[in-house]
Amino acid sequence: MDVGVRRIRERAVAFGPNRSMVGIVTAPVPPPPDQGPAVILLNAGVIHRVGANRIYVRVARALAQAGYPVFRFDFSGIGDSEARQDVLDLDEALRLDIADALAHMESSQNARSFVIFGLCSGANNGFRYAIRDERVTAVVLIDPVAFRTLGHQLRFFGRRLLRPRVWWNVVRGRNAFVRDFLRRLRGQSDLEQEMENAYPVGPGRDEMRKGLRTLIDRQVEMLVVYTGGLEWQYNYREQFRDMFPDEAASARIRVEFLEDSDHTFSAEAHKAWLVNLATSWMASVVSKGDGAPQPVAVSKGS
């Protein structure tokens, strides 16, 4: 794959059966003769297609400069995309929206394989979609769902035991975990369940394990990145291995932990780290390219 492409073009498009969805195609100009898979960027929650702190814009332009066509779009009802007029449940609606995005890249960019890239809920939705569609050959999951382990709990609570303010809140009866412990003794609410209701997660542990196994068996490459911004969910480098010891041993999965980054990559250094990681990982596992990215000249669409 030629990764020496210097110029890219961005174009706004309307797509889907009723042309009710909106996205931006970012593609190398001219396309390399051995063009790799198309990259599909999925909304994180209700943040529209630029991504948190415009991180999707940065990722799309860097990957296009490296030779990959990239599509960042808005799910139905988010950003500039119109709401769906059917009564499908959310999972099915998201699946169809992603399928429409792939169909657009097939027809407009001659894409035959795909990399799904998502942050937070975008990672969870992308993971579920990748399991179903064999055209997906790689996934990038940024802060997907995680599950607490003994190592997580020891670090999470251990750090708090050293904070004077935590003890002061305990004395005043204002510590959430102490309140939850007392509620449990009275047979009342469960704080962990409340947290999961407040922060909807994606696949359950069994679904995640089976999905990872499916993707490994299909030889799908996976880059999984966690940040320190969700400390209550993921807080040490080896936690993924402890969550899924058998699957984590696969050479198909690479796991990174950027402990000092927040969940939305607000710091410039952390944006740059993620962009560099994504482009180098794509080159190593997808394209096997031997060049180095060059400065980009961007021809903007709307």
C-alpha atoms as a PDB file:
ATOM      1  CA  MET A   1       0.000   0.000   0.000  1.00  0.00           C
ATOM      2  CA  ASP A   2       1.280   3.449  -0.924  1.00  0.00           C
ATOM      3  CA  VAL A   3       1.388   5.550   2.257  1.00  0.00           C
ATOM      4  CA  GLY A   4       3.130   8.471   0.551  1.00  0.00           C
ATOM      5  CA  VAL A   5      -0.143  10.142  -0.495  1.00  0.00           C
ATOM      6  CA  ARG A   6       0.185  13.887   0.129  1.00  0.00           C
ATOM      7  CA  ARG A   7      -3.220  15.324  -0.733  1.00  0.00           C
ATOM      8  CA  ILE A   8      -6.698  14.546   0.505  1.00  0.00           C
ATOM      9  CA  ARG A   9     -10.189  15.742  -0.302  1.00  0.00           C
ATOM     10  CA  GLU A  10     -13.203  16.083   1.997  1.00  0.00           C
ATOM     11  CA  ARG A  11     -16.731  15.978   0.621  1.00  0.00           C
ATOM     12  CA  ALA A  12     -20.104  16.187   2.364  1.00  0.00           C
ATOM     13  CA  VAL A  13     -22.634  13.600   1.209  1.00  0.00           C
ATOM     14  CA  ALA A  14     -26.234  12.651   1.851  1.00  0.00           C
ATOM     15  CA  PHE A  15     -26.786   8.903   1.851  1.00  0.00           C
ATOM     16  CA  GLY A  16     -29.094   6.108   2.924  1.00  0.00           C
ATOM     17  CA  PRO A  17     -32.318   4.875   1.306  1.00  0.00           C
ATOM     18  CA  ASN A  18     -33.966   8.299   1.654  1.00  0.00           C
ATOM     19  CA  ARG A  19     -30.738  10.346   1.587  1.00  0.00           C
ATOM     20  CA  SER A  20     -31.673  11.403   5.111  1.00  0.00           C
ATOM     21  CA  MET A  21     -28.228  10.827   6.637  1.00  0.00           C
ATOM     22  CA  VAL A  22     -25.198  13.099   6.345  1.00  0.00           C
ATOM     23  CA  GLY A  23     -21.519  12.296   6.418  1.00  0.00           C
ATOM     24  CA  ILE A  24     -18.063  13.449   5.300  1.00  0.00           C
ATOM     25  CA  VAL A  25     -15.922  11.321   3.018  1.00  0.00           C
ATOM     26  CA  THR A  26     -12.217  12.049   3.480  1.00  0.00           C
ATOM     27  CA  ALA A  27     -10.180  10.331   0.786  1.00  0.00           C
ATOM     28  CA  PRO A  28      -6.699  10.420  -0.757  1.00  0.00           C
ATOM     29  CA  VAL A  29      -6.331  12.191  -4.106  1.00  0.00           C
ATOM     30  CA  PRO A  30      -5.608  10.375  -6.289  1.00  0.00           C
ATOM     31  CA  PRO A  31      -6.541   7.060  -4.669  1.00  0.00           C
ATOM     32  CA  PRO A  32      -3.568   4.680  -4.435  1.00  0.00           C
ATOM     33  CA  PRO A  33      -3.681   1.708  -6.815  1.00  0.00           C
ATOM     34  CA  ASP A  34      -3.619  -0.726  -3.872  1.00  0.00           C
ATOM     35  CA  GLN A  35      -6.127   1.155  -1.717  1.00  0.00           C
ATOM     36  CA  GLY A  36      -6.721  -0.498   1.633  1.00  0.00           C
ATOM     37  CA  PRO A  37      -9.991  -0.894   3.528  1.00  0.00           C
ATOM     38  CA  ALA A  38     -12.342   2.007   4.139  1.00  0.00           C
ATOM     39  CA  VAL A  39     -12.491   3.315   7.695  1.00  0.00           C
ATOM     40  CA  ILE A  40     -15.886   4.033   9.261  1.00  0.00           C
ATOM     41  CA  LEU A  41     -16.005   6.389  12.271  1.00  0.00           C
ATOM     42  CA  LEU A  42     -19.026   5.983  14.558  1.00  0.00           C
ATOM     43  CA  ASN A  43     -20.631   8.686  16.721  1.00  0.00           C
ATOM     44  CA  ALA A  44     -19.730   8.678  20.406  1.00  0.00           C
ATOM     45  CA  GLY A  45     -23.053   9.190  22.161  1.00  0.00           C
ATOM     46  CA  VAL A  46     -24.782  12.300  20.807  1.00  0.00           C
ATOM     47  CA  ILE A  47     -21.565  14.016  19.697  1.00  0.00           C
ATOM     48  CA  HIS A  48     -21.827  14.592  15.959  1.00  0.00           C
ATOM     49  CA  ARG A  49     -19.368  13.489  13.319  1.00  0.00           C
ATOM     50  CA  VAL A  50     -16.438  15.757  14.291  1.00  0.00           C
ATOM     51  CA  GLY A  51     -16.003  13.618  17.411  1.00  0.00           C
ATOM     52  CA  ALA A  52     -15.073  14.674  20.928  1.00  0.00           C
ATOM     53  CA  ASN A  53     -12.763  17.700  20.712  1.00  0.00           C
ATOM     54  CA  ARG A  54     -12.677  17.154  16.916  1.00  0.00           C
ATOM     55  CA  ILE A  55     -10.671  13.966  17.328  1.00  0.00           C
ATOM     56  CA  TYR A  56     -12.504  12.255  14.438  1.00  0.00           C
ATOM     57  CA  VAL A  57     -11.498  15.063  12.090  1.00  0.00           C
ATOM     58  CA  ARG A  58      -7.850  14.536  13.034  1.00  0.00           C
ATOM     59  CA  VAL A  59      -8.079  10.763  12.680  1.00  0.00           C
ATOM     60  CA  ALA A  60      -9.916  10.929   9.343  1.00  0.00           C
ATOM     61  CA  ARG A  61      -7.414  13.291   7.758  1.00  0.00           C
ATOM     62  CA  ALA A  62      -4.384  11.370   8.991  1.00  0.00           C
ATOM     63  CA  LEU A  63      -5.708   8.029   7.766  1.00  0.00           C
ATOM     64  CA  ALA A  64      -6.769   9.482   4.407  1.00  0.00           C
ATOM     65  CA  GLN A  65      -3.310  10.967   3.989  1.00  0.00           C
ATOM     66  CA  ALA A  66      -1.933   7.477   4.615  1.00  0.00           C
ATOM     67  CA  GLY A  67      -4.045   6.143   1.757  1.00  0.00           C
ATOM     68  CA  TYR A  68      -7.369   5.037   3.286  1.00  0.00           C
ATOM     69  CA  PRO A  69     -10.810   6.432   2.412  1.00  0.00           C
ATOM     70  CA  VAL A  70     -12.570   7.441   5.637  1.00  0.00           C
ATOM     71  CA  PHE A  71     -16.252   8.082   6.353  1.00  0.00           C
ATOM     72  CA  ARG A  72     -17.397   9.944   9.435  1.00  0.00           C
ATOM     73  CA  PHE A  73     -21.150  10.296   9.553  1.00  0.00           C
ATOM     74  CA  ASP A  74     -24.044  11.065  11.861  1.00  0.00           C
ATOM     75  CA  PHE A  75     -26.401   8.331  13.011  1.00  0.00           C
ATOM     76  CA  SER A  76     -30.069   9.028  12.348  1.00  0.00           C
ATOM     77  CA  GLY A  77     -31.312  11.732  14.701  1.00  0.00           C
ATOM     78  CA  ILE A  78     -27.803  13.034  15.524  1.00  0.00           C
ATOM     79  CA  GLY A  79     -26.081  16.082  14.049  1.00  0.00           C
ATOM     80  CA  ASP A  80     -27.311  16.787  10.527  1.00  0.00           C
ATOM     81  CA  SER A  81     -28.948  13.393   9.957  1.00  0.00           C
ATOM     82  CA  GLU A  82     -32.715  13.250  10.116  1.00  0.00           C
ATOM     83  CA  ALA A  83     -34.457  11.019  12.632  1.00  0.00           C
ATOM     84  CA  ARG A  84     -35.713   7.677  11.365  1.00  0.00           C
ATOM     85  CA  GLN A  85     -39.403   7.423  10.542  1.00  0.00           C
ATOM     86  CA  ASP A  86     -39.719   3.732  11.434  1.00  0.00           C
ATOM     87  CA  VAL A  87     -40.259   2.100  14.820  1.00  0.00           C
ATOM     88  CA  LEU A  88     -37.168  -0.101  14.957  1.00  0.00           C
ATOM     89  CA  ASP A  89     -35.459  -0.680  18.294  1.00  0.00           C
ATOM     90  CA  LEU A  90     -32.213   1.195  18.834  1.00  0.00           C
ATOM     91  CA  ASP A  91     -29.827  -1.723  18.171  1.00  0.00           C
ATOM     92  CA  GLU A  92     -31.467  -2.560  14.847  1.00  0.00           C
ATOM     93  CA  ALA A  93     -31.617   1.093  13.814  1.00  0.00           C
ATOM     94  CA  LEU A  94     -27.904   1.537  14.536  1.00  0.00           C
ATOM     95  CA  ARG A  95     -27.078  -1.641  12.626  1.00  0.00           C
ATOM     96  CA  LEU A  96     -28.942  -0.411   9.557  1.00  0.00           C
ATOM     97  CA  ASP A  97     -27.324   3.031   9.768  1.00  0.00           C
ATOM     98  CA  ILE A  98     -23.857   1.465   9.831  1.00  0.00           C
ATOM     99  CA  ALA A  99     -24.774  -0.874   6.984  1.00  0.00           C
ATOM    100  CA  ASP A 100     -25.916   2.139   4.945  1.00  0.00           C
ATOM    101  CA  ALA A 101     -22.563   3.825   5.604  1.00  0.00           C
ATOM    102  CA  LEU A 102     -20.691   0.772   4.350  1.00  0.00           C
ATOM    103  CA  ALA A 103     -22.935   0.601   1.294  1.00  0.00           C
ATOM    104  CA  HIS A 104     -22.139   4.217   0.475  1.00  0.00           C
ATOM    105  CA  MET A 105     -18.394   3.581   0.671  1.00  0.00           C
ATOM    106  CA  GLU A 106     -18.777   0.484  -1.485  1.00  0.00           C
ATOM    107  CA  SER A 107     -20.512   2.436  -4.220  1.00  0.00           C
ATOM    108  CA  SER A 108     -18.574   5.700  -4.000  1.00  0.00           C
ATOM    109  CA  GLN A 109     -15.078   4.491  -3.095  1.00  0.00           C
ATOM    110  CA  ASN A 110     -15.113   0.920  -4.384  1.00  0.00           C
ATOM    111  CA  ALA A 111     -14.418  -0.303  -0.845  1.00  0.00           C
ATOM    112  CA  ARG A 112     -14.517  -4.061  -0.333  1.00  0.00           C
ATOM    113  CA  SER A 113     -13.381  -4.320   3.287  1.00  0.00           C
ATOM    114  CA  PHE A 114     -13.774  -2.071   6.296  1.00  0.00           C
ATOM    115  CA  VAL A 115     -12.248  -0.922   9.563  1.00  0.00           C
ATOM    116  CA  ILE A 116     -14.750   0.139  12.232  1.00  0.00           C
ATOM    117  CA  PHE A 117     -13.498   2.882  14.565  1.00  0.00           C
ATOM    118  CA  GLY A 118     -15.439   4.141  17.560  1.00  0.00           C
ATOM    119  CA  LEU A 119     -15.108   5.933  20.892  1.00  0.00           C
ATOM    120  CA  CYS A 120     -17.256   5.021  23.915  1.00  0.00           C
ATOM    121  CA  SER A 121     -20.728   4.010  22.665  1.00  0.00           C
ATOM    122  CA  GLY A 122     -19.275   4.161  19.154  1.00  0.00           C
ATOM    123  CA  ALA A 123     -16.838   1.423  20.186  1.00  0.00           C
ATOM    124  CA  ASN A 124     -19.621  -0.716  21.645  1.00  0.00           C
ATOM    125  CA  ASN A 125     -21.864  -0.254  18.622  1.00  0.00           C
ATOM    126  CA  GLY A 126     -18.965  -0.920  16.267  1.00  0.00           C
ATOM    127  CA  PHE A 127     -17.994  -4.078  18.121  1.00  0.00           C
ATOM    128  CA  ARG A 128     -21.503  -5.469  17.858  1.00  0.00           C
ATOM    129  CA  TYR A 129     -21.684  -4.608  14.172  1.00  0.00           C
ATOM    130  CA  ALA A 130     -18.278  -6.107  13.358  1.00  0.00           C
ATOM    131  CA  ILE A 131     -19.375  -9.461  14.740  1.00  0.00           C
ATOM    132  CA  ARG A 132     -22.214  -9.593  12.204  1.00  0.00           C
ATOM    133  CA  ASP A 133     -20.464  -8.372   9.051  1.00  0.00           C
ATOM    134  CA  GLU A 134     -17.596 -10.391   7.610  1.00  0.00           C
ATOM    135  CA  ARG A 135     -16.498  -7.459   5.468  1.00  0.00           C
ATOM    136  CA  VAL A 136     -15.102  -5.878   8.645  1.00  0.00           C
ATOM    137  CA  THR A 137     -11.440  -6.881   8.818  1.00  0.00           C
ATOM    138  CA  ALA A 138     -10.289  -4.641  11.686  1.00  0.00           C
ATOM    139  CA  VAL A 139     -11.721  -2.639  14.569  1.00  0.00           C
ATOM    140  CA  VAL A 140     -10.445   0.231  16.714  1.00  0.00           C
ATOM    141  CA  LEU A 141     -12.258   0.392  20.048  1.00  0.00           C
ATOM    142  CA  ILE A 142     -11.599   3.451  22.223  1.00  0.00           C
ATOM    143  CA  ASP A 143     -12.921   3.147  25.797  1.00  0.00           C
ATOM    144  CA  PRO A 144     -15.389   0.358  25.079  1.00  0.00           C
ATOM    145  CA  VAL A 145     -17.250  -1.315  27.915  1.00  0.00           C
ATOM    146  CA  ALA A 146     -15.016  -2.734  30.660  1.00  0.00           C
ATOM    147  CA  PHE A 147     -15.641  -4.980  33.642  1.00  0.00           C
ATOM    148  CA  ARG A 148     -14.297  -4.543  37.133  1.00  0.00           C
ATOM    149  CA  THR A 149     -11.682  -7.001  38.314  1.00  0.00           C
ATOM    150  CA  LEU A 150     -10.020  -7.579  41.680  1.00  0.00           C
ATOM    151  CA  GLY A 151      -7.074  -5.507  40.473  1.00  0.00           C
ATOM    152  CA  HIS A 152      -9.413  -2.687  39.517  1.00  0.00           C
ATOM    153  CA  GLN A 153     -11.174  -2.677  42.879  1.00  0.00           C
ATOM    154  CA  LEU A 154      -7.939  -2.750  44.872  1.00  0.00           C
ATOM    155  CA  ARG A 155      -6.618   0.259  42.963  1.00  0.00           C
ATOM    156  CA  PHE A 156      -9.919   2.133  42.897  1.00  0.00           C
ATOM    157  CA  PHE A 157     -10.597   1.882  46.626  1.00  0.00           C
ATOM    158  CA  GLY A 158      -6.952   1.810  47.710  1.00  0.00           C
ATOM    159  CA  ARG A 159      -6.259   5.206  46.180  1.00  0.00           C
ATOM    160  CA  ARG A 160      -9.281   6.689  47.897  1.00  0.00           C
ATOM    161  CA  LEU A 161      -8.251   5.405  51.300  1.00  0.00           C
ATOM    162  CA  LEU A 162      -5.269   7.754  51.107  1.00  0.00           C
ATOM    163  CA  ARG A 163      -7.387  10.860  50.479  1.00  0.00           C
ATOM    164  CA  PRO A 164      -8.334  12.858  53.618  1.00  0.00           C
ATOM    165  CA  ARG A 165     -11.410  14.258  51.889  1.00  0.00           C
ATOM    166  CA  VAL A 166     -12.777  10.726  51.427  1.00  0.00           C
ATOM    167  CA  TRP A 167     -12.533  10.055  55.162  1.00  0.00           C
ATOM    168  CA  TRP A 168     -14.142  13.409  55.945  1.00  0.00           C
ATOM    169  CA  ASN A 169     -17.074  12.470  53.681  1.00  0.00           C
ATOM    170  CA  VAL A 170     -17.321   9.096  55.437  1.00  0.00           C
ATOM    171  CA  VAL A 171     -17.573  10.827  58.828  1.00  0.00           C
ATOM    172  CA  ARG A 172     -20.240  13.186  57.464  1.00  0.00           C
ATOM    173  CA  GLY A 173     -22.175  10.316  55.859  1.00  0.00           C
ATOM    174  CA  ARG A 174     -21.654  11.746  52.381  1.00  0.00           C
ATOM    175  CA  ASN A 175     -19.509   8.982  50.863  1.00  0.00           C
ATOM    176  CA  ALA A 176     -21.455   7.261  48.091  1.00  0.00           C
ATOM    177  CA  PHE A 177     -19.944   3.833  48.648  1.00  0.00           C
ATOM    178  CA  VAL A 178     -20.571   3.886  52.387  1.00  0.00           C
ATOM    179  CA  ARG A 179     -24.160   4.973  51.739  1.00  0.00           C
ATOM    180  CA  ASP A 180     -24.530   2.129  49.286  1.00  0.00           C
ATOM    181  CA  PHE A 181     -23.130  -0.377  51.802  1.00  0.00           C
ATOM    182  CA  LEU A 182     -25.697   0.755  54.370  1.00  0.00           C
ATOM    183  CA  ARG A 183     -28.486   0.548  51.794  1.00  0.00           C
ATOM    184  CA  ARG A 184     -27.464  -2.987  50.918  1.00  0.00           C
ATOM    185  CA  LEU A 185     -27.641  -3.956  54.592  1.00  0.00           C
ATOM    186  CA  ARG A 186     -31.208  -2.685  54.539  1.00  0.00           C
ATOM    187  CA  GLY A 187     -31.931  -4.573  51.307  1.00  0.00           C
ATOM    188  CA  GLN A 188     -32.259  -1.387  49.289  1.00  0.00           C
ATOM    189  CA  SER A 189     -30.537  -0.052  46.167  1.00  0.00           C
ATOM    190  CA  ASP A 190     -27.281  -1.142  44.597  1.00  0.00           C
ATOM    191  CA  LEU A 191     -24.812   1.631  43.697  1.00  0.00           C
ATOM    192  CA  GLU A 192     -23.124  -0.369  40.957  1.00  0.00           C
ATOM    193  CA  GLN A 193     -26.459  -0.946  39.248  1.00  0.00           C
ATOM    194  CA  GLU A 194     -27.254   2.750  39.582  1.00  0.00           C
ATOM    195  CA  MET A 195     -23.936   3.614  37.945  1.00  0.00           C
ATOM    196  CA  GLU A 196     -24.596   1.233  35.057  1.00  0.00           C
ATOM    197  CA  ASN A 197     -28.043   2.750  34.584  1.00  0.00           C
ATOM    198  CA  ALA A 198     -26.542   6.243  34.567  1.00  0.00           C
ATOM    199  CA  TYR A 199     -23.756   5.253  32.154  1.00  0.00           C
ATOM    200  CA  PRO A 200     -25.290   2.780  29.695  1.00  0.00           C
ATOM    201  CA  VAL A 201     -22.742   0.175  28.770  1.00  0.00           C
ATOM    202  CA  GLY A 202     -22.570  -2.046  25.743  1.00  0.00           C
ATOM    203  CA  PRO A 203     -22.151  -5.780  25.558  1.00  0.00           C
ATOM    204  CA  GLY A 204     -22.258  -7.812  28.752  1.00  0.00           C
ATOM    205  CA  ARG A 205     -19.220  -9.824  29.795  1.00  0.00           C
ATOM    206  CA  ASP A 206     -20.378 -13.050  28.136  1.00  0.00           C
ATOM    207  CA  GLU A 207     -21.412 -11.254  24.947  1.00  0.00           C
ATOM    208  CA  MET A 208     -18.056  -9.473  24.849  1.00  0.00           C
ATOM    209  CA  ARG A 209     -16.125 -12.704  25.356  1.00  0.00           C
ATOM    210  CA  LYS A 210     -18.053 -14.541  22.640  1.00  0.00           C
ATOM    211  CA  GLY A 211     -17.707 -11.588  20.300  1.00  0.00           C
ATOM    212  CA  LEU A 212     -13.962 -11.381  20.813  1.00  0.00           C
ATOM    213  CA  ARG A 213     -13.684 -15.081  20.094  1.00  0.00           C
ATOM    214  CA  THR A 214     -15.752 -14.698  16.919  1.00  0.00           C
ATOM    215  CA  LEU A 215     -13.526 -11.883  15.660  1.00  0.00           C
ATOM    216  CA  ILE A 216     -10.337 -13.754  16.553  1.00  0.00           C
ATOM    217  CA  ASP A 217     -11.546 -16.835  14.703  1.00  0.00           C
ATOM    218  CA  ARG A 218     -12.347 -14.628  11.695  1.00  0.00           C
ATOM    219  CA  GLN A 219      -8.819 -13.144  11.898  1.00  0.00           C
ATOM    220  CA  VAL A 220     -10.075  -9.619  12.527  1.00  0.00           C
ATOM    221  CA  GLU A 221      -7.354  -7.288  13.818  1.00  0.00           C
ATOM    222  CA  MET A 222      -8.298  -5.379  16.972  1.00  0.00           C
ATOM    223  CA  LEU A 223      -6.839  -2.277  18.594  1.00  0.00           C
ATOM    224  CA  VAL A 224      -8.360  -1.620  22.021  1.00  0.00           C
ATOM    225  CA  VAL A 225      -7.493   1.628  23.796  1.00  0.00           C
ATOM    226  CA  TYR A 226      -8.542   2.632  27.307  1.00  0.00           C
ATOM    227  CA  THR A 227      -7.965   6.014  28.919  1.00  0.00           C
ATOM    228  CA  GLY A 228      -7.680   7.052  32.525  1.00  0.00           C
ATOM    229  CA  GLY A 229     -10.759   9.196  32.048  1.00  0.00           C
ATOM    230  CA  LEU A 230     -13.060   6.340  33.099  1.00  0.00           C
ATOM    231  CA  GLU A 231     -11.176   5.323  36.234  1.00  0.00           C
ATOM    232  CA  TRP A 232     -14.325   3.894  37.815  1.00  0.00           C
ATOM    233  CA  GLN A 233     -14.484   1.429  34.917  1.00  0.00           C
ATOM    234  CA  TYR A 234     -10.862   0.786  33.840  1.00  0.00           C
ATOM    235  CA  ASN A 235      -7.771   1.817  35.787  1.00  0.00           C
ATOM    236  CA  TYR A 236      -4.699  -0.329  35.038  1.00  0.00           C
ATOM    237  CA  ARG A 237      -2.855  -1.571  31.967  1.00  0.00           C
ATOM    238  CA  GLU A 238      -3.419  -5.294  32.490  1.00  0.00           C
ATOM    239  CA  GLN A 239      -7.146  -5.076  33.252  1.00  0.00           C
ATOM    240  CA  PHE A 240      -8.200  -6.258  29.771  1.00  0.00           C
ATOM    241  CA  ARG A 241      -6.012  -9.345  30.195  1.00  0.00           C
ATOM    242  CA  ASP A 242      -7.606 -10.002  33.570  1.00  0.00           C
ATOM    243  CA  MET A 243     -11.100  -9.545  32.114  1.00  0.00           C
ATOM    244  CA  PHE A 244     -10.521 -11.865  29.153  1.00  0.00           C
ATOM    245  CA  PRO A 245      -7.362 -13.915  29.754  1.00  0.00           C
ATOM    246  CA  ASP A 246      -7.850 -16.384  26.902  1.00  0.00           C
ATOM    247  CA  GLU A 247      -8.840 -13.836  24.294  1.00  0.00           C
ATOM    248  CA  ALA A 248      -6.210 -11.271  25.348  1.00  0.00           C
ATOM    249  CA  ALA A 249      -3.496 -13.811  24.552  1.00  0.00           C
ATOM    250  CA  SER A 250      -4.388 -13.611  20.847  1.00  0.00           C
ATOM    251  CA  ALA A 251      -1.908 -11.894  18.553  1.00  0.00           C
ATOM    252  CA  ARG A 252      -4.939 -10.309  16.860  1.00  0.00           C
ATOM    253  CA  ILE A 253      -5.583  -8.004  19.823  1.00  0.00           C
ATOM    254  CA  ARG A 254      -3.427  -5.054  20.806  1.00  0.00           C
ATOM    255  CA  VAL A 255      -4.382  -3.225  24.018  1.00  0.00           C
ATOM    256  CA  GLU A 256      -3.105   0.212  25.023  1.00  0.00           C
ATOM    257  CA  PHE A 257      -3.772   2.238  28.179  1.00  0.00           C
ATOM    258  CA  LEU A 258      -3.285   6.025  28.167  1.00  0.00           C
ATOM    259  CA  GLU A 259      -3.637   6.618  31.885  1.00  0.00           C
ATOM    260  CA  ASP A 260      -3.176  10.380  31.920  1.00  0.00           C
ATOM    261  CA  SER A 261      -5.703  11.120  29.169  1.00  0.00           C
ATOM    262  CA  ASP A 262      -9.302  12.063  29.791  1.00  0.00           C
ATOM    263  CA  HIS A 263     -12.142  10.263  28.022  1.00  0.00           C
ATOM    264  CA  THR A 264     -12.472  12.885  25.273  1.00  0.00           C
ATOM    265  CA  PHE A 265      -8.786  13.477  24.423  1.00  0.00           C
ATOM    266  CA  SER A 266      -8.989  17.166  25.290  1.00  0.00           C
ATOM    267  CA  ALA A 267      -5.184  17.599  25.497  1.00  0.00           C
ATOM    268  CA  GLU A 268      -3.342  18.166  22.227  1.00  0.00           C
ATOM    269  CA  ALA A 269      -0.637  15.660  23.169  1.00  0.00           C
ATOM    270  CA  HIS A 270      -3.220  12.941  23.713  1.00  0.00           C
ATOM    271  CA  LYS A 271      -4.933  13.663  20.386  1.00  0.00           C
ATOM    272  CA  ALA A 272      -1.574  13.375  18.644  1.00  0.00           C
ATOM    273  CA  TRP A 273      -0.823  10.123  20.476  1.00  0.00           C
ATOM    274  CA  LEU A 274      -4.090   8.548  19.338  1.00  0.00           C
ATOM    275  CA  VAL A 275      -3.707   9.702  15.741  1.00  0.00           C
ATOM    276  CA  ASN A 276      -0.143   8.388  15.553  1.00  0.00           C
ATOM    277  CA  LEU A 277      -1.171   5.102  17.144  1.00  0.00           C
ATOM    278  CA  ALA A 278      -4.062   4.610  14.728  1.00  0.00           C
ATOM    279  CA  THR A 279      -2.007   5.345  11.624  1.00  0.00           C
ATOM    280  CA  SER A 280       0.974   3.225  12.640  1.00  0.00           C
ATOM    281  CA  TRP A 281      -1.237   0.327  13.719  1.00  0.00           C
ATOM    282  CA  MET A 282      -3.151   0.432  10.434  1.00  0.00           C
ATOM    283  CA  ALA A 283       0.115   0.382   8.498  1.00  0.00           C
ATOM    284  CA  SER A 284       1.436  -2.584  10.466  1.00  0.00           C
ATOM    285  CA  VAL A 285      -1.592  -4.872  10.532  1.00  0.00           C
ATOM    286  CA  VAL A 286      -3.723  -3.792   7.581  1.00  0.00           C
ATOM    287  CA  SER A 287      -1.635  -2.337   4.794  1.00  0.00           C
ATOM    288  CA  LYS A 288       1.923  -3.497   5.559  1.00  0.00           C
ATOM    289  CA  GLY A 289       3.045  -0.216   4.021  1.00  0.00           C
ATOM    290  CA  ASP A 290       6.690   0.879   4.185  1.00  0.00           C
ATOM    291  CA  GLY A 291       6.417   4.630   3.767  1.00  0.00           C
ATOM    292  CA  ALA A 292       5.960   7.476   6.228  1.00  0.00           C
ATOM    293  CA  PRO A 293       3.096   9.983   6.312  1.00  0.00           C
ATOM    294  CA  GLN A 294       3.873  13.377   4.809  1.00  0.00           C
ATOM    295  CA  PRO A 295       2.326  16.805   5.459  1.00  0.00           C
ATOM    296  CA  VAL A 296      -1.253  17.047   4.252  1.00  0.00           C
ATOM    297  CA  ALA A 297      -2.821  19.532   1.847  1.00  0.00           C
ATOM    298  CA  VAL A 298      -6.551  19.513   2.494  1.00  0.00           C
ATOM    299  CA  SER A 299      -9.235  20.431  -0.027  1.00  0.00           C
ATOM    300  CA  LYS A 300     -12.275  21.002   2.175  1.00  0.00           C
ATOM    301  CA  GLY A 301     -15.872  20.083   1.608  1.00  0.00           C
ATOM    302  CA  SER A 302     -18.647  21.563   3.691  1.00  0.00           C
END
